[in-house]
Amino acid sequence: MTDQTLPPPVMWAQRSAVVFLTINLEDVKDPEIKFTKDSVYFKGTGGVEKKNYEVTIPLYKEIDPEKSKSFNRERCIEILLAKANPEEPYWPFLTSDKKKHHWLKCDFNKWHDEDDSGDEGLGGMGGGDFEEMMRQMGGLGSGGGKPNFDDLEDEGGDSDDEPIPDLE
């Protein structure tokens, strides 16, 4: 086995003010993570085979290294990058080189389009007022009771109401 370092599998998503990175490696002990205004550096040993991983990600736009944070979970490392200018439009790419990297994928579980509604609720992680959403969809009445079906017209019954013919 060689001591060659590999790029770890990385997923990314964004909101107006932050970029989410997830490094999908299990059981990484003492990872080295560095933030600069235009890049993120990761180095660590992890995964099932305890391989060495290292990557420097040149970012599309500048971030605020002081406000950016990383969280070492058991199954992955989550990184929250604070954009230097949250008023700028969404980034079309994560990296400044605009290349397609085999280790980099979109995290559609966290993704939120720029033109989606501004009501992100719960700190940008989705959620919001479920009852209000259901009311708008017609799922919850304002009375809070059971719906009344007395005003529905019966137009000759259902075909399911006819008797079943005998088997021969």
N, C-alpha and C. Protein backbone atom coordinates (compact mmCIF):
# COMPACT_ATOMS: atom_id res chain seq x y z
N MET A 1 0.84 -1.19 0.00
CA MET A 1 0.00 0.00 0.00
C MET A 1 0.88 1.24 0.00
N THR A 2 0.55 2.21 -0.82
CA THR A 2 1.33 3.44 -0.90
C THR A 2 0.77 4.49 0.03
N ASP A 3 1.56 5.51 0.28
CA ASP A 3 1.13 6.61 1.14
C ASP A 3 0.55 7.75 0.30
N GLN A 4 0.03 7.44 -0.87
CA GLN A 4 -0.52 8.45 -1.76
C GLN A 4 -1.78 9.05 -1.13
N THR A 5 -1.90 10.39 -1.22
CA THR A 5 -3.10 11.04 -0.70
C THR A 5 -4.13 11.17 -1.81
N LEU A 6 -5.38 11.05 -1.43
CA LEU A 6 -6.50 11.12 -2.36
C LEU A 6 -7.38 12.30 -1.99
N PRO A 7 -8.12 12.87 -2.96
CA PRO A 7 -9.11 13.88 -2.58
C PRO A 7 -10.33 13.19 -1.97
N PRO A 8 -10.86 13.70 -0.86
CA PRO A 8 -12.03 13.07 -0.25
C PRO A 8 -13.29 13.39 -1.04
N PRO A 9 -14.34 12.56 -0.91
CA PRO A 9 -15.61 12.91 -1.54
C PRO A 9 -16.24 14.11 -0.83
N VAL A 10 -16.56 15.14 -1.61
CA VAL A 10 -17.08 16.39 -1.05
C VAL A 10 -18.42 16.71 -1.72
N MET A 11 -19.40 17.15 -0.91
CA MET A 11 -20.68 17.61 -1.43
C MET A 11 -20.85 19.07 -1.01
N TRP A 12 -21.53 19.85 -1.86
CA TRP A 12 -21.71 21.27 -1.52
C TRP A 12 -23.11 21.76 -1.88
N ALA A 13 -23.53 22.78 -1.15
CA ALA A 13 -24.80 23.46 -1.39
C ALA A 13 -24.62 24.89 -0.88
N GLN A 14 -25.58 25.75 -1.18
CA GLN A 14 -25.43 27.14 -0.74
C GLN A 14 -26.75 27.80 -0.43
N ARG A 15 -26.65 28.87 0.34
CA ARG A 15 -27.73 29.80 0.59
C ARG A 15 -27.18 31.18 0.25
N SER A 16 -27.94 32.22 0.49
CA SER A 16 -27.49 33.55 0.11
C SER A 16 -26.24 33.97 0.88
N ALA A 17 -26.11 33.58 2.13
CA ALA A 17 -24.99 34.05 2.95
C ALA A 17 -23.95 32.99 3.26
N VAL A 18 -24.25 31.70 2.99
CA VAL A 18 -23.33 30.63 3.37
C VAL A 18 -23.21 29.58 2.27
N VAL A 19 -22.11 28.83 2.36
CA VAL A 19 -21.89 27.65 1.51
C VAL A 19 -21.69 26.48 2.45
N PHE A 20 -22.40 25.37 2.19
CA PHE A 20 -22.27 24.16 2.98
C PHE A 20 -21.33 23.19 2.25
N LEU A 21 -20.35 22.66 2.96
CA LEU A 21 -19.51 21.59 2.44
C LEU A 21 -19.65 20.40 3.36
N THR A 22 -19.72 19.22 2.78
CA THR A 22 -19.73 17.98 3.56
C THR A 22 -18.64 17.08 3.01
N ILE A 23 -17.69 16.73 3.86
CA ILE A 23 -16.63 15.81 3.48
C ILE A 23 -17.08 14.44 3.98
N ASN A 24 -17.37 13.55 3.04
CA ASN A 24 -17.96 12.25 3.37
C ASN A 24 -16.90 11.22 3.69
N LEU A 25 -16.33 11.34 4.88
CA LEU A 25 -15.37 10.37 5.40
C LEU A 25 -15.78 10.00 6.82
N GLU A 26 -15.74 8.72 7.12
CA GLU A 26 -16.09 8.26 8.46
C GLU A 26 -14.85 8.23 9.35
N ASP A 27 -15.07 8.46 10.63
CA ASP A 27 -14.06 8.28 11.67
C ASP A 27 -12.75 8.99 11.37
N VAL A 28 -12.82 10.27 11.02
CA VAL A 28 -11.60 11.05 10.80
C VAL A 28 -11.14 11.58 12.15
N LYS A 29 -9.94 11.20 12.54
CA LYS A 29 -9.37 11.64 13.81
C LYS A 29 -8.46 12.84 13.56
N ASP A 30 -8.69 13.92 14.28
CA ASP A 30 -7.88 15.14 14.21
C ASP A 30 -7.66 15.64 12.79
N PRO A 31 -8.74 15.99 12.09
CA PRO A 31 -8.55 16.52 10.73
C PRO A 31 -7.91 17.90 10.77
N GLU A 32 -7.16 18.22 9.75
CA GLU A 32 -6.56 19.54 9.61
C GLU A 32 -7.40 20.31 8.59
N ILE A 33 -8.06 21.36 9.05
CA ILE A 33 -8.93 22.17 8.19
C ILE A 33 -8.51 23.62 8.34
N LYS A 34 -8.21 24.24 7.19
CA LYS A 34 -7.78 25.64 7.20
C LYS A 34 -8.64 26.43 6.23
N PHE A 35 -9.03 27.63 6.68
CA PHE A 35 -9.80 28.53 5.84
C PHE A 35 -8.94 29.74 5.49
N THR A 36 -8.90 30.10 4.23
CA THR A 36 -8.35 31.38 3.80
C THR A 36 -9.48 32.11 3.09
N LYS A 37 -9.24 33.35 2.71
CA LYS A 37 -10.33 34.11 2.09
C LYS A 37 -10.76 33.53 0.75
N ASP A 38 -9.89 32.74 0.10
CA ASP A 38 -10.25 32.21 -1.22
C ASP A 38 -10.04 30.71 -1.37
N SER A 39 -9.88 29.97 -0.26
CA SER A 39 -9.72 28.51 -0.37
C SER A 39 -10.05 27.81 0.95
N VAL A 40 -10.28 26.50 0.83
CA VAL A 40 -10.47 25.63 1.99
C VAL A 40 -9.49 24.48 1.83
N TYR A 41 -8.78 24.16 2.92
CA TYR A 41 -7.81 23.07 2.90
C TYR A 41 -8.27 22.00 3.88
N PHE A 42 -8.20 20.74 3.46
CA PHE A 42 -8.53 19.61 4.33
C PHE A 42 -7.45 18.55 4.20
N LYS A 43 -7.06 18.00 5.34
CA LYS A 43 -6.14 16.86 5.36
C LYS A 43 -6.55 15.98 6.54
N GLY A 44 -6.66 14.67 6.28
CA GLY A 44 -7.02 13.76 7.35
C GLY A 44 -6.95 12.32 6.90
N THR A 45 -6.99 11.43 7.89
CA THR A 45 -7.00 10.00 7.64
C THR A 45 -8.33 9.46 8.12
N GLY A 46 -9.01 8.72 7.25
CA GLY A 46 -10.31 8.21 7.65
C GLY A 46 -10.88 7.26 6.63
N GLY A 47 -12.16 6.99 6.80
CA GLY A 47 -12.83 6.03 5.95
C GLY A 47 -12.61 4.63 6.47
N VAL A 48 -13.22 3.67 5.81
CA VAL A 48 -13.14 2.28 6.24
C VAL A 48 -11.71 1.76 6.16
N GLU A 49 -10.99 2.17 5.12
CA GLU A 49 -9.64 1.66 4.90
C GLU A 49 -8.57 2.55 5.51
N LYS A 50 -8.95 3.60 6.23
CA LYS A 50 -8.02 4.52 6.89
C LYS A 50 -6.96 5.05 5.93
N LYS A 51 -7.43 5.56 4.79
CA LYS A 51 -6.53 6.14 3.80
C LYS A 51 -6.27 7.61 4.13
N ASN A 52 -5.20 8.15 3.55
CA ASN A 52 -4.87 9.56 3.71
C ASN A 52 -5.57 10.37 2.64
N TYR A 53 -6.25 11.44 3.06
CA TYR A 53 -6.98 12.30 2.14
C TYR A 53 -6.50 13.73 2.32
N GLU A 54 -6.43 14.44 1.20
CA GLU A 54 -6.01 15.84 1.24
C GLU A 54 -6.56 16.56 0.02
N VAL A 55 -7.05 17.78 0.23
CA VAL A 55 -7.54 18.58 -0.88
C VAL A 55 -7.49 20.06 -0.50
N THR A 56 -7.17 20.88 -1.50
CA THR A 56 -7.30 22.33 -1.38
C THR A 56 -8.34 22.75 -2.40
N ILE A 57 -9.40 23.38 -1.94
CA ILE A 57 -10.49 23.79 -2.82
C ILE A 57 -10.38 25.30 -3.07
N PRO A 58 -10.00 25.70 -4.29
CA PRO A 58 -9.98 27.14 -4.60
C PRO A 58 -11.41 27.63 -4.82
N LEU A 59 -11.85 28.56 -4.02
CA LEU A 59 -13.26 28.97 -4.02
C LEU A 59 -13.56 30.00 -5.10
N TYR A 60 -14.79 29.96 -5.60
CA TYR A 60 -15.26 30.85 -6.66
C TYR A 60 -15.19 32.31 -6.24
N LYS A 61 -15.62 32.61 -5.02
CA LYS A 61 -15.58 33.97 -4.47
C LYS A 61 -14.97 33.90 -3.07
N GLU A 62 -14.76 35.07 -2.49
CA GLU A 62 -14.15 35.13 -1.17
C GLU A 62 -15.14 34.76 -0.05
N ILE A 63 -14.57 34.20 1.01
CA ILE A 63 -15.33 33.88 2.22
C ILE A 63 -14.74 34.66 3.39
N ASP A 64 -15.42 34.61 4.51
CA ASP A 64 -14.92 35.21 5.75
C ASP A 64 -14.35 34.07 6.60
N PRO A 65 -13.02 33.91 6.63
CA PRO A 65 -12.42 32.79 7.37
C PRO A 65 -12.73 32.81 8.87
N GLU A 66 -12.94 34.01 9.44
CA GLU A 66 -13.21 34.11 10.88
C GLU A 66 -14.59 33.56 11.24
N LYS A 67 -15.56 33.72 10.35
CA LYS A 67 -16.92 33.26 10.62
C LYS A 67 -17.18 31.84 10.13
N SER A 68 -16.27 31.28 9.35
CA SER A 68 -16.45 29.92 8.82
C SER A 68 -16.10 28.91 9.89
N LYS A 69 -16.84 27.80 9.90
CA LYS A 69 -16.68 26.79 10.97
C LYS A 69 -16.70 25.39 10.38
N SER A 70 -16.13 24.44 11.14
CA SER A 70 -16.21 23.03 10.74
C SER A 70 -16.66 22.21 11.94
N PHE A 71 -17.37 21.11 11.66
CA PHE A 71 -17.92 20.24 12.69
C PHE A 71 -17.56 18.80 12.32
N ASN A 72 -16.82 18.13 13.18
CA ASN A 72 -16.44 16.74 12.92
C ASN A 72 -17.51 15.83 13.50
N ARG A 73 -18.31 15.26 12.61
CA ARG A 73 -19.33 14.28 12.99
C ARG A 73 -18.70 12.90 12.85
N GLU A 74 -19.36 11.86 13.33
CA GLU A 74 -18.79 10.51 13.21
C GLU A 74 -18.75 10.03 11.77
N ARG A 75 -19.76 10.38 10.98
CA ARG A 75 -19.85 9.88 9.61
C ARG A 75 -19.35 10.85 8.55
N CYS A 76 -19.16 12.11 8.92
CA CYS A 76 -18.71 13.11 7.95
C CYS A 76 -18.17 14.32 8.69
N ILE A 77 -17.60 15.23 7.90
CA ILE A 77 -17.18 16.52 8.43
C ILE A 77 -18.01 17.58 7.72
N GLU A 78 -18.72 18.38 8.50
CA GLU A 78 -19.56 19.42 7.93
C GLU A 78 -18.85 20.76 8.10
N ILE A 79 -18.83 21.52 7.01
CA ILE A 79 -18.16 22.81 7.00
C ILE A 79 -19.18 23.87 6.57
N LEU A 80 -19.19 24.96 7.29
CA LEU A 80 -20.06 26.09 7.00
C LEU A 80 -19.18 27.27 6.64
N LEU A 81 -19.21 27.69 5.38
CA LEU A 81 -18.40 28.81 4.91
C LEU A 81 -19.27 30.06 4.84
N ALA A 82 -18.87 31.09 5.54
CA ALA A 82 -19.60 32.36 5.50
C ALA A 82 -19.08 33.17 4.32
N LYS A 83 -19.98 33.52 3.40
CA LYS A 83 -19.59 34.31 2.24
C LYS A 83 -19.15 35.70 2.70
N ALA A 84 -18.12 36.24 2.06
CA ALA A 84 -17.62 37.58 2.42
C ALA A 84 -18.66 38.64 2.11
N ASN A 85 -19.40 38.46 1.00
CA ASN A 85 -20.44 39.41 0.63
C ASN A 85 -21.74 38.65 0.38
N PRO A 86 -22.62 38.54 1.40
CA PRO A 86 -23.85 37.76 1.25
C PRO A 86 -24.86 38.38 0.29
N GLU A 87 -24.68 39.66 -0.11
CA GLU A 87 -25.61 40.29 -1.04
C GLU A 87 -25.34 39.90 -2.49
N GLU A 88 -24.18 39.32 -2.75
CA GLU A 88 -23.86 38.92 -4.12
C GLU A 88 -24.76 37.76 -4.54
N PRO A 89 -24.94 37.57 -5.85
CA PRO A 89 -25.77 36.45 -6.31
C PRO A 89 -25.13 35.10 -5.97
N TYR A 90 -25.93 34.05 -6.09
CA TYR A 90 -25.44 32.71 -5.82
C TYR A 90 -24.25 32.38 -6.72
N TRP A 91 -23.37 31.54 -6.21
CA TRP A 91 -22.20 31.13 -6.99
C TRP A 91 -22.64 30.09 -8.02
N PRO A 92 -22.24 30.24 -9.26
CA PRO A 92 -22.57 29.20 -10.25
C PRO A 92 -21.70 27.96 -10.11
N PHE A 93 -20.54 28.12 -9.45
CA PHE A 93 -19.61 27.03 -9.21
C PHE A 93 -19.07 27.15 -7.80
N LEU A 94 -18.57 26.07 -7.24
CA LEU A 94 -17.90 26.15 -5.95
C LEU A 94 -16.46 26.59 -6.15
N THR A 95 -15.82 26.05 -7.19
CA THR A 95 -14.39 26.29 -7.38
C THR A 95 -14.14 27.42 -8.38
N SER A 96 -13.03 28.08 -8.21
CA SER A 96 -12.67 29.18 -9.11
C SER A 96 -12.18 28.66 -10.46
N ASP A 97 -11.71 27.41 -10.51
CA ASP A 97 -11.20 26.88 -11.78
C ASP A 97 -12.33 26.39 -12.69
N LYS A 98 -13.55 26.31 -12.18
CA LYS A 98 -14.76 25.96 -12.95
C LYS A 98 -14.65 24.59 -13.63
N LYS A 99 -13.80 23.72 -13.10
CA LYS A 99 -13.66 22.37 -13.66
C LYS A 99 -14.65 21.44 -12.99
N LYS A 100 -14.92 20.33 -13.65
CA LYS A 100 -15.74 19.25 -13.08
C LYS A 100 -14.79 18.29 -12.38
N HIS A 101 -14.86 18.26 -11.06
CA HIS A 101 -14.01 17.37 -10.27
C HIS A 101 -14.78 16.11 -9.92
N HIS A 102 -14.14 14.96 -10.06
CA HIS A 102 -14.82 13.68 -9.80
C HIS A 102 -15.19 13.51 -8.34
N TRP A 103 -14.54 14.19 -7.44
CA TRP A 103 -14.79 14.05 -6.00
C TRP A 103 -15.80 15.07 -5.48
N LEU A 104 -16.27 16.00 -6.34
CA LEU A 104 -17.16 17.08 -5.91
C LEU A 104 -18.54 16.92 -6.52
N LYS A 105 -19.58 16.93 -5.66
CA LYS A 105 -20.96 16.76 -6.12
C LYS A 105 -21.86 17.77 -5.40
N CYS A 106 -23.03 18.04 -5.99
CA CYS A 106 -24.02 18.90 -5.35
C CYS A 106 -24.75 18.12 -4.26
N ASP A 107 -25.01 18.78 -3.15
CA ASP A 107 -25.78 18.19 -2.06
C ASP A 107 -27.22 18.67 -2.19
N PHE A 108 -28.04 17.90 -2.90
CA PHE A 108 -29.40 18.33 -3.18
C PHE A 108 -30.29 18.27 -1.95
N ASN A 109 -29.86 17.59 -0.88
CA ASN A 109 -30.65 17.60 0.37
C ASN A 109 -30.59 18.97 1.05
N LYS A 110 -29.51 19.71 0.81
CA LYS A 110 -29.37 21.04 1.42
C LYS A 110 -29.52 22.16 0.40
N TRP A 111 -29.64 21.82 -0.85
CA TRP A 111 -29.65 22.84 -1.90
C TRP A 111 -30.91 23.70 -1.83
N HIS A 112 -30.76 24.98 -2.12
CA HIS A 112 -31.87 25.92 -2.16
C HIS A 112 -31.56 26.90 -3.27
N ASP A 113 -32.41 26.95 -4.29
CA ASP A 113 -32.15 27.84 -5.43
C ASP A 113 -32.29 29.30 -5.04
N GLU A 114 -31.58 30.12 -5.76
CA GLU A 114 -31.59 31.55 -5.51
C GLU A 114 -32.98 32.14 -5.74
N ASP A 115 -33.71 31.62 -6.73
CA ASP A 115 -35.02 32.19 -7.04
C ASP A 115 -36.15 31.54 -6.27
N ASP A 116 -35.86 30.60 -5.36
CA ASP A 116 -36.90 30.05 -4.50
C ASP A 116 -37.35 31.13 -3.52
N SER A 117 -38.46 30.88 -2.83
CA SER A 117 -38.99 31.88 -1.92
C SER A 117 -37.98 32.24 -0.86
N GLY A 118 -38.04 33.46 -0.41
CA GLY A 118 -37.09 33.94 0.60
C GLY A 118 -37.39 33.40 1.98
N ASP A 119 -38.53 32.76 2.19
CA ASP A 119 -38.89 32.23 3.50
C ASP A 119 -38.21 30.89 3.71
N GLU A 120 -36.99 30.94 4.25
CA GLU A 120 -36.25 29.71 4.47
C GLU A 120 -36.52 29.13 5.85
N GLY A 121 -36.98 29.94 6.77
CA GLY A 121 -37.28 29.47 8.11
C GLY A 121 -36.09 28.82 8.78
N LEU A 122 -36.11 28.64 10.05
CA LEU A 122 -35.12 27.91 10.84
C LEU A 122 -33.69 28.12 10.37
N GLY A 123 -33.28 29.35 10.25
CA GLY A 123 -31.89 29.64 9.92
C GLY A 123 -31.47 29.17 8.55
N GLY A 124 -32.37 29.11 7.60
CA GLY A 124 -32.00 28.73 6.25
C GLY A 124 -32.01 27.24 6.01
N MET A 125 -32.46 26.47 6.96
CA MET A 125 -32.45 25.01 6.79
C MET A 125 -33.84 24.46 6.47
N GLY A 126 -34.70 25.27 5.89
CA GLY A 126 -36.04 24.79 5.57
C GLY A 126 -36.95 24.91 6.77
N GLY A 127 -38.07 24.27 6.73
CA GLY A 127 -38.99 24.32 7.86
C GLY A 127 -40.04 25.39 7.63
N GLY A 128 -40.19 26.28 8.58
CA GLY A 128 -41.18 27.33 8.45
C GLY A 128 -42.45 26.94 9.16
N ASP A 129 -43.54 27.59 8.81
CA ASP A 129 -44.82 27.38 9.46
C ASP A 129 -45.61 26.31 8.69
N PHE A 130 -45.61 25.09 9.18
CA PHE A 130 -46.25 23.98 8.51
C PHE A 130 -47.76 24.17 8.42
N GLU A 131 -48.38 24.65 9.51
CA GLU A 131 -49.83 24.85 9.50
C GLU A 131 -50.24 25.89 8.47
N GLU A 132 -49.47 26.97 8.35
CA GLU A 132 -49.79 27.99 7.35
C GLU A 132 -49.65 27.43 5.94
N MET A 133 -48.62 26.65 5.71
CA MET A 133 -48.44 26.04 4.40
C MET A 133 -49.61 25.11 4.07
N MET A 134 -50.06 24.31 5.03
CA MET A 134 -51.19 23.40 4.81
C MET A 134 -52.48 24.19 4.57
N ARG A 135 -52.64 25.31 5.26
CA ARG A 135 -53.83 26.14 5.08
C ARG A 135 -53.86 26.69 3.65
N GLN A 136 -52.71 27.12 3.16
CA GLN A 136 -52.64 27.64 1.80
C GLN A 136 -52.91 26.56 0.77
N MET A 137 -52.52 25.34 1.08
CA MET A 137 -52.75 24.23 0.16
C MET A 137 -54.16 23.68 0.28
N GLY A 138 -54.91 24.15 1.27
CA GLY A 138 -56.28 23.68 1.47
C GLY A 138 -56.35 22.44 2.34
N GLY A 139 -55.26 22.11 3.02
CA GLY A 139 -55.24 20.90 3.83
C GLY A 139 -55.80 21.08 5.23
N LEU A 140 -55.79 22.30 5.73
CA LEU A 140 -56.31 22.56 7.08
C LEU A 140 -57.36 23.66 6.99
N GLY A 141 -58.52 23.39 7.50
CA GLY A 141 -59.57 24.41 7.54
C GLY A 141 -59.34 25.34 8.70
N SER A 142 -59.92 26.51 8.62
CA SER A 142 -59.72 27.46 9.71
C SER A 142 -60.52 27.08 10.96
N GLY A 143 -61.53 26.21 10.78
CA GLY A 143 -62.35 25.80 11.92
C GLY A 143 -61.66 24.80 12.81
N GLY A 144 -60.69 24.08 12.29
CA GLY A 144 -59.97 23.12 13.09
C GLY A 144 -60.71 21.81 13.30
N GLY A 145 -61.97 21.70 12.82
CA GLY A 145 -62.73 20.47 13.00
C GLY A 145 -62.64 19.59 11.76
N LYS A 146 -63.51 18.59 11.74
CA LYS A 146 -63.53 17.68 10.59
C LYS A 146 -64.23 18.36 9.42
N PRO A 147 -63.83 18.05 8.18
CA PRO A 147 -64.49 18.65 7.03
C PRO A 147 -65.93 18.16 6.89
N ASN A 148 -66.79 18.99 6.29
CA ASN A 148 -68.19 18.68 6.10
C ASN A 148 -68.41 18.30 4.64
N PHE A 149 -68.87 17.07 4.38
CA PHE A 149 -69.08 16.59 3.02
C PHE A 149 -70.57 16.59 2.65
N ASP A 150 -71.44 17.22 3.44
CA ASP A 150 -72.88 17.22 3.18
C ASP A 150 -73.24 17.95 1.89
N ASP A 151 -72.42 18.92 1.48
CA ASP A 151 -72.77 19.71 0.30
C ASP A 151 -72.33 19.07 -1.00
N LEU A 152 -71.72 17.91 -0.97
CA LEU A 152 -71.31 17.23 -2.19
C LEU A 152 -72.51 16.59 -2.86
N GLU A 153 -72.59 16.72 -4.17
CA GLU A 153 -73.72 16.16 -4.90
C GLU A 153 -73.46 14.71 -5.24
N ASP A 154 -74.51 13.90 -5.16
CA ASP A 154 -74.41 12.49 -5.53
C ASP A 154 -74.97 12.35 -6.94
N GLU A 155 -74.12 12.06 -7.89
CA GLU A 155 -74.57 11.98 -9.29
C GLU A 155 -74.72 10.54 -9.73
N GLY A 156 -75.73 9.84 -9.24
CA GLY A 156 -76.03 8.49 -9.70
C GLY A 156 -75.21 7.40 -9.04
N GLY A 157 -74.42 7.69 -8.09
CA GLY A 157 -73.69 6.64 -7.37
C GLY A 157 -72.42 6.22 -8.07
N ASP A 158 -71.72 5.36 -7.43
CA ASP A 158 -70.46 4.83 -7.94
C ASP A 158 -70.69 3.52 -8.65
N SER A 159 -69.81 3.18 -9.56
CA SER A 159 -69.88 1.86 -10.17
C SER A 159 -69.47 0.79 -9.16
N ASP A 160 -68.76 1.22 -8.12
CA ASP A 160 -68.35 0.27 -7.08
C ASP A 160 -69.53 -0.16 -6.21
N ASP A 161 -70.64 0.57 -6.27
CA ASP A 161 -71.79 0.26 -5.44
C ASP A 161 -72.65 -0.87 -6.02
N GLU A 162 -72.41 -1.25 -7.26
CA GLU A 162 -73.19 -2.31 -7.89
C GLU A 162 -72.81 -3.66 -7.29
N PRO A 163 -73.78 -4.61 -7.25
CA PRO A 163 -73.45 -5.93 -6.69
C PRO A 163 -72.47 -6.67 -7.60
N ILE A 164 -71.69 -7.52 -6.98
CA ILE A 164 -70.70 -8.33 -7.72
C ILE A 164 -71.41 -9.54 -8.30
N PRO A 165 -71.22 -9.82 -9.60
CA PRO A 165 -71.90 -10.98 -10.20
C PRO A 165 -71.33 -12.30 -9.65
N ASP A 166 -72.17 -13.32 -9.65
CA ASP A 166 -71.74 -14.63 -9.17
C ASP A 166 -70.73 -15.24 -10.13
N LEU A 167 -69.84 -16.04 -9.57
CA LEU A 167 -68.88 -16.77 -10.39
C LEU A 167 -69.52 -18.02 -10.95
N GLU A 168 -69.18 -18.42 -12.14
CA GLU A 168 -69.79 -19.61 -12.75
C GLU A 168 -69.04 -20.86 -12.42
